[in-house]
Every structure is written in C-alpha cells, then in structure tokens.
Protein backbone atom coordinates (compact mmCIF):
# COMPACT_ATOMS: atom_id res chain seq x y z
CA UNK A 1 19.66 -0.21 6.65
CA UNK A 2 18.88 3.24 8.09
CA UNK A 3 15.93 5.25 7.51
CA UNK A 4 15.42 7.22 4.51
CA UNK A 5 13.39 10.78 3.99
CA UNK A 6 10.28 10.06 2.62
CA UNK A 7 9.43 12.48 0.11
CA UNK A 8 5.65 13.41 1.59
CA UNK A 9 2.74 15.96 1.64
CA UNK A 10 0.53 16.61 4.18
CA UNK A 11 -3.15 17.61 3.59
CA UNK A 12 -6.44 18.34 6.51
CA UNK A 13 -6.57 19.72 9.28
CA UNK A 14 -3.61 20.17 11.39
CA UNK A 15 -5.08 19.15 14.54
CA UNK A 16 -7.17 16.21 13.08
CA UNK A 17 -6.50 12.41 13.91
CA UNK A 18 -3.52 11.58 11.19
CA UNK A 19 -4.07 8.87 9.10
CA UNK A 20 -0.85 7.68 6.39
CA UNK A 21 -1.97 6.36 3.04
CA UNK A 22 0.55 3.53 1.96
CA UNK A 23 1.47 2.92 -2.04
CA UNK A 24 1.29 -0.09 -3.86
CA UNK A 25 4.30 -1.35 -6.20
CA UNK A 26 4.71 1.00 -8.51
CA UNK A 27 3.24 3.93 -7.62
CA UNK A 28 3.46 6.99 -6.41
CA UNK A 29 1.36 9.67 -3.80
CA UNK A 30 -0.52 10.19 -6.66
CA UNK A 31 -2.74 6.51 -6.62
CA UNK A 32 -4.53 8.30 -3.69
CA UNK A 33 -5.52 11.36 -4.99
CA UNK A 34 -9.97 9.63 -5.35
CA UNK A 35 -9.53 9.38 -1.49
CA UNK A 36 -8.23 12.49 -0.36
CA UNK A 37 -10.77 14.93 -0.31
CA UNK A 38 -13.56 13.30 1.86
CA UNK A 39 -10.53 12.30 4.35
CA UNK A 40 -8.70 15.15 4.37
CA UNK A 41 -12.28 16.54 5.43
CA UNK A 42 -11.60 15.66 8.82
CA UNK A 43 -8.03 13.47 9.28
CA UNK A 44 -4.89 14.68 9.06
CA UNK A 45 -3.81 13.01 5.95
CA UNK A 46 0.12 12.27 4.93
CA UNK A 47 1.04 10.39 1.62
CA UNK A 48 4.45 9.73 1.09
CA UNK A 49 5.95 8.45 -1.60
CA UNK A 50 7.77 4.71 -1.01
CA UNK A 51 11.48 4.52 -1.22
CA UNK A 52 13.18 4.07 -4.27
CA UNK A 53 9.51 5.70 -6.24
CA UNK A 54 8.35 8.93 -7.33
CA UNK A 55 10.11 11.87 -5.54
CA UNK A 56 11.14 9.94 -2.85
CA UNK A 57 15.71 8.96 -2.83
CA UNK A 58 16.63 6.09 -4.41
CA UNK A 59 18.94 3.96 -2.06
CA UNK A 60 20.58 0.56 -3.25
CA UNK A 61 18.92 -2.19 -3.82
CA UNK A 62 17.57 -5.26 -1.98
CA UNK A 63 14.92 -3.19 1.01
CA UNK A 64 13.09 -5.35 3.37
CA UNK A 65 9.90 -4.54 4.36
CA UNK A 66 11.75 -2.96 7.50
CA UNK A 67 13.77 -0.94 5.94
CA UNK A 68 10.58 0.28 4.21
CA UNK A 69 7.91 0.71 7.54
CA UNK A 70 11.09 2.24 9.12
CA UNK A 71 10.69 4.79 6.78
CA UNK A 72 7.19 5.93 7.60
CA UNK A 73 8.40 5.65 11.66
CA UNK A 74 10.81 8.49 10.58
CA UNK A 75 8.77 10.41 8.89
CA UNK A 76 6.23 10.36 11.47
CA UNK A 77 9.08 11.72 13.84
CA UNK A 78 9.89 14.65 11.68
CA UNK A 79 5.85 15.36 11.30
CA UNK A 80 6.22 14.59 15.54
CA UNK A 81 2.50 12.51 15.10
CA UNK A 82 3.65 10.06 18.18
CA UNK A 83 0.95 7.65 16.40
CA UNK A 84 -1.23 7.52 13.80
CA UNK A 85 -4.45 5.62 11.42
CA UNK A 86 -2.11 3.91 8.75
CA UNK A 87 -3.86 2.53 5.38
CA UNK A 88 -2.12 0.85 2.77
CA UNK A 89 -2.57 -1.12 -0.50
CA UNK A 90 -0.63 -4.53 -1.67
CA UNK A 91 2.91 -3.07 -0.55
CA UNK A 92 1.46 -0.54 1.64
CA UNK A 93 -0.41 -2.79 3.54
CA UNK A 94 2.12 -5.31 3.92
CA UNK A 95 4.21 -1.51 5.40
CA UNK A 96 0.94 -1.45 7.30
CA UNK A 97 0.70 -4.62 9.09
CA UNK A 98 4.40 -4.90 9.57
CA UNK A 99 4.59 -1.75 11.84
CA UNK A 100 1.46 -2.90 13.89
CA UNK A 101 3.80 -5.59 14.58
CA UNK A 102 6.26 -3.61 15.11
CA UNK A 103 5.75 -0.57 16.54
CA UNK A 104 2.24 -1.25 17.99
CA UNK A 105 2.09 2.99 20.14
CA UNK A 106 2.15 3.96 16.62
CA UNK A 107 -0.31 3.04 14.97
CA UNK A 108 -3.95 3.67 16.28
CA UNK A 109 -6.08 1.53 13.60
CA UNK A 110 -5.49 -0.06 10.04
CA UNK A 111 -6.69 -0.53 7.11
CA UNK A 112 -5.00 -3.93 4.34
CA UNK A 113 -6.59 -3.54 1.23
CA UNK A 114 -5.70 -5.24 -1.73
CA UNK A 115 -3.24 -7.00 0.39
CA UNK A 116 -1.00 -10.41 1.64
CA UNK A 117 0.68 -11.37 4.42
CA UNK A 118 2.81 -13.90 1.98
CA UNK A 119 2.69 -13.39 -1.81
CA UNK A 120 5.17 -15.91 -3.31
CA UNK A 121 6.28 -18.02 -5.30
CA UNK A 122 10.11 -16.31 -4.62
CA UNK A 123 10.61 -17.43 -8.01
CA UNK A 124 8.25 -14.87 -9.46
CA UNK A 125 9.65 -11.78 -8.12
CA UNK A 126 12.74 -13.17 -8.81
CA UNK A 127 12.24 -13.35 -12.61
CA UNK A 128 10.33 -9.25 -11.78
CA UNK A 129 13.40 -8.56 -10.35
CA UNK A 130 15.16 -9.84 -13.68
CA UNK A 131 13.43 -8.15 -15.77
CA UNK A 132 13.62 -4.79 -14.24
CA UNK A 133 16.92 -5.02 -14.48
CA UNK A 134 17.50 -5.74 -17.55
CA UNK A 135 14.54 -4.25 -19.77
CA UNK A 136 13.49 -2.03 -16.68
CA UNK A 137 9.87 -0.58 -15.66
CA UNK A 138 8.42 0.13 -18.72
CA UNK A 139 9.24 -4.07 -20.13
CA UNK A 140 6.22 -5.06 -16.72
CA UNK A 141 4.47 -2.10 -17.11
CA UNK A 142 1.54 -3.42 -19.21
CA UNK A 143 1.22 -6.11 -17.38
CA UNK A 144 0.37 -4.68 -14.07
CA UNK A 145 -1.29 -1.98 -15.05
CA UNK A 146 -3.34 -5.29 -16.31
CA UNK A 147 -3.82 -6.48 -12.98
CA UNK A 148 -4.26 -3.34 -11.36
CA UNK A 149 -8.02 -2.77 -13.31
CA UNK A 150 -10.90 -5.12 -14.13
CA UNK A 151 -11.51 -5.49 -17.90
CA UNK A 152 -14.12 -3.29 -17.86
CA UNK A 153 -13.01 -0.83 -15.86
CA UNK A 154 -10.06 -0.02 -17.37
CA UNK A 155 -12.12 -0.23 -20.85
CA UNK A 156 -14.31 2.58 -20.55
CA UNK A 157 -11.30 4.44 -18.16
CA UNK A 158 -8.49 4.55 -21.15
CA UNK A 159 -6.57 8.78 -19.99
CA UNK A 160 -6.46 7.47 -16.50
CA UNK A 161 -4.94 3.85 -17.51
CA UNK A 162 -2.29 5.77 -19.85
CA UNK A 163 -1.59 7.90 -16.66
CA UNK A 164 -1.42 4.85 -14.28
CA UNK A 165 0.61 2.49 -16.32
CA UNK A 166 2.66 5.47 -16.92
CA UNK A 167 3.25 5.59 -13.62
CA UNK A 168 4.57 2.55 -13.48
CA UNK A 169 7.05 3.36 -16.32
CA UNK A 170 9.04 5.89 -14.12
CA UNK A 171 9.44 4.15 -11.36
CA UNK A 172 13.24 3.63 -10.70
CA UNK A 173 14.39 0.34 -12.09
CA UNK A 174 16.68 0.27 -8.37
CA UNK A 175 13.63 0.79 -6.68
CA UNK A 176 10.80 -0.63 -8.21
CA UNK A 177 13.79 -3.99 -7.75
CA UNK A 178 14.74 -3.19 -4.50
CA UNK A 179 10.75 -3.68 -3.26
CA UNK A 180 9.98 -6.25 -5.09
CA UNK A 181 13.25 -7.46 -2.75
CA UNK A 182 11.36 -6.86 0.45
CA UNK A 183 7.97 -8.60 -0.75
CA UNK A 184 10.06 -11.66 -2.19
CA UNK A 185 11.48 -12.12 1.61
CA UNK A 186 8.23 -11.57 2.91
CA UNK A 187 6.18 -14.46 5.74
CA UNK A 188 4.20 -12.28 8.09
CA UNK A 189 1.46 -15.34 8.95
CA UNK A 190 3.01 -16.15 12.22
CA UNK A 191 3.65 -12.62 13.05
CA UNK A 192 -0.15 -11.65 12.98
CA UNK A 193 -1.61 -12.71 15.91
CA UNK A 194 0.92 -9.74 17.73
CA UNK A 195 -0.73 -7.09 16.28
CA UNK A 196 -3.61 -5.17 18.39
CA UNK A 197 -4.51 -2.38 16.29
CA UNK A 198 -8.02 -2.63 14.96
CA UNK A 199 -8.01 -3.84 11.39
CA UNK A 200 -10.14 -3.53 8.27
CA UNK A 201 -8.74 -5.47 5.63
CA UNK A 202 -10.32 -4.54 2.39
CA UNK A 203 -10.25 -7.36 -0.16
CA UNK A 204 -11.35 -6.84 -4.33
CA UNK A 205 -14.12 -9.53 -5.68
CA UNK A 206 -11.81 -9.51 -8.84
CA UNK A 207 -7.54 -9.31 -7.71
CA UNK A 208 -6.09 -11.79 -9.24
CA UNK A 209 -2.89 -10.10 -7.40
CA UNK A 210 -4.34 -10.71 -3.85
CA UNK A 211 -7.13 -12.53 -4.25
CA UNK A 212 -9.78 -12.16 -1.41
CA UNK A 213 -8.30 -15.50 0.32
CA UNK A 214 -5.67 -14.33 0.84
CA UNK A 215 -7.23 -11.15 2.95
CA UNK A 216 -8.99 -13.90 4.09
CA UNK A 217 -6.27 -15.53 5.77
CA UNK A 218 -6.05 -12.04 6.94
CA UNK A 219 -8.66 -11.27 8.49
CA UNK A 220 -9.01 -14.70 11.14
CA UNK A 221 -5.46 -13.69 12.13
CA UNK A 222 -5.28 -11.12 13.78
CA UNK A 223 -7.58 -10.71 16.66
CA UNK A 224 -10.98 -8.70 16.10
CA UNK A 225 -10.24 -7.99 12.10
CA UNK A 226 -13.32 -7.49 10.44
CA UNK A 227 -13.42 -8.62 6.18
CA UNK A 228 -14.19 -6.50 3.41
CA UNK A 229 -15.08 -8.00 -0.01
CA UNK A 230 -15.55 -4.95 -2.29
CA UNK A 231 -17.46 -6.39 -5.63
CA UNK A 232 -16.54 -4.81 -9.24
CA UNK A 233 -12.84 -4.17 -8.86
CA UNK A 234 -9.39 -6.17 -9.62
CA UNK A 235 -6.11 -5.31 -7.29
CA UNK A 236 -6.42 -0.66 -6.94
CA UNK A 237 -10.27 -1.13 -5.20
CA UNK A 238 -9.32 2.25 -4.19
CA UNK A 239 -9.26 3.51 -7.50
CA UNK A 240 -11.77 1.69 -9.07
CA UNK A 241 -14.52 1.85 -6.46
CA UNK A 242 -13.48 4.46 -4.90
CA UNK A 243 -16.37 6.07 -2.89
CA UNK A 244 -17.17 2.75 -1.89
CA UNK A 245 -13.21 2.19 -0.17
CA UNK A 246 -13.39 5.66 0.52
CA UNK A 247 -16.60 5.14 2.78
CA UNK A 248 -15.39 1.89 4.70
CA UNK A 249 -12.06 3.45 5.84
CA UNK A 250 -13.98 6.79 6.94
CA UNK A 251 -16.55 4.29 8.58
CA UNK A 252 -13.22 2.44 10.35
CA UNK A 253 -11.52 5.34 11.79
CA UNK A 254 -14.62 7.25 13.21
CA UNK A 255 -15.12 4.28 15.71
CA UNK A 256 -15.02 5.25 19.18
C-alpha cells in the first residue's frame, strides 16, 4: 500500500533533535497534550494522526504495521528529517519497533510505552473488527476507555475521560478496523534482536491491555534495552502519570 500524507503538527526549536510521537489505536495527536510543553521546550516534536484516524486520510483497509511505519518514513521525508527519536504508546510503540527493525538509519532512540510485540489472540481482533464494521466505533468506546485508565484516575477526572471517550467514538470505522488488522497480524518478537537503537520500555503497573510482562519480553529481546514500570497507571500511562512518563522520556533521550 502506498504511504499517505499524514496530518501532523511540529512544535519546538527547529534546530533541536527531532522526536516523533506515535499514538495508540483510537486516538489522535491530542493524546500527547500532557507531554508537549516539556518535550517541545528542548526537542523538535512531531505529532501526527495515524492513517484512518483524526484528520489523516482514511484509505480502505486492512492495513499492515509496515503500512503504518512507511507513513512515518514518508512524513520524515516531507519534513526533511533524516533521523529522529521515536516514542510510541500501544499501537504507536508497535510502529516504533517496526521502524527500528526496518529503518535503523532513520531511528536514533526508541521509547516503547504500554505496548506489545505480539498481542493476540487473533480472534479477539476479529471480534473487534466485526463490532466496528457492524456498529461503529461508538460501540467500543466505553470498553476501550475503561482499559485506558485505572478506576481511581477515571473517577477523579470525569471530564478528561469523557473527552477521550469522544475521541475513540469519532475515529472513522474503516481506520479503526484497518489498524485492528495490523495488530491482529503482528508478531515482532522474532525480529526484536535486530533493533540497534537505544531503547527504553515503559509499562503501566496496572495496564490490563498490555501488562508489564509484555514490556519485559520486549526489553529482554532488544539488546541493551532498559525497562521502567510506572505505578498507578493503566494503558495510557503518558496521560495518567504524565509527569513521570515525560521525565523518563527526557532522561532517555538526553543520554549522550
């Protein structure tokens, strides 16, 4: 499939090292709002909407992880960025791993947050695709947002949870289903030892979607990778524990 032109925003000093932030399934570039002020103070930060999400085009699915990674390479080419740090949450982390495997010359450092190299069973993703095609993303919104945050955080932040639920429900059905197929068909585990970029793996201690053992397997397979488990956080640790995740990202990218 041909790479598409992703909707994106660029913030921060134009001469600073570039950092690309890749999103989770069912989200837009707004998911990084808790990080952007601190990150853009010292990095050229590129945020984008995945194909089929937000303001990016919605080509017919299904998509592959390679399709999603090639979209990012095309974006780097458009922005004339030869090499960048890549940080991704969930599906964004899967894309980051694919880039680290397939395009090591374009990747400086990796941050893989609340993600997995193999997230089965395929039947679960088939069920999700079927629901979206029959009933739309609205039908999944409550279940998905319920896995994004711990109950305590959700109870304390009802307005933010409502906005994020609306983000999921507004995702185009074709785009969501197409990306589900990419996750369904993914098995990066045999290829992880090929990643040469210095890698930090971050897991949410209470993540029901990609529990810490998924991150531990990734960290064990990538040479030299380090792992951090963030307490009191579910699947979107970058939102629920924004300060800690941002600090860990910056510390990893500042290492000489």
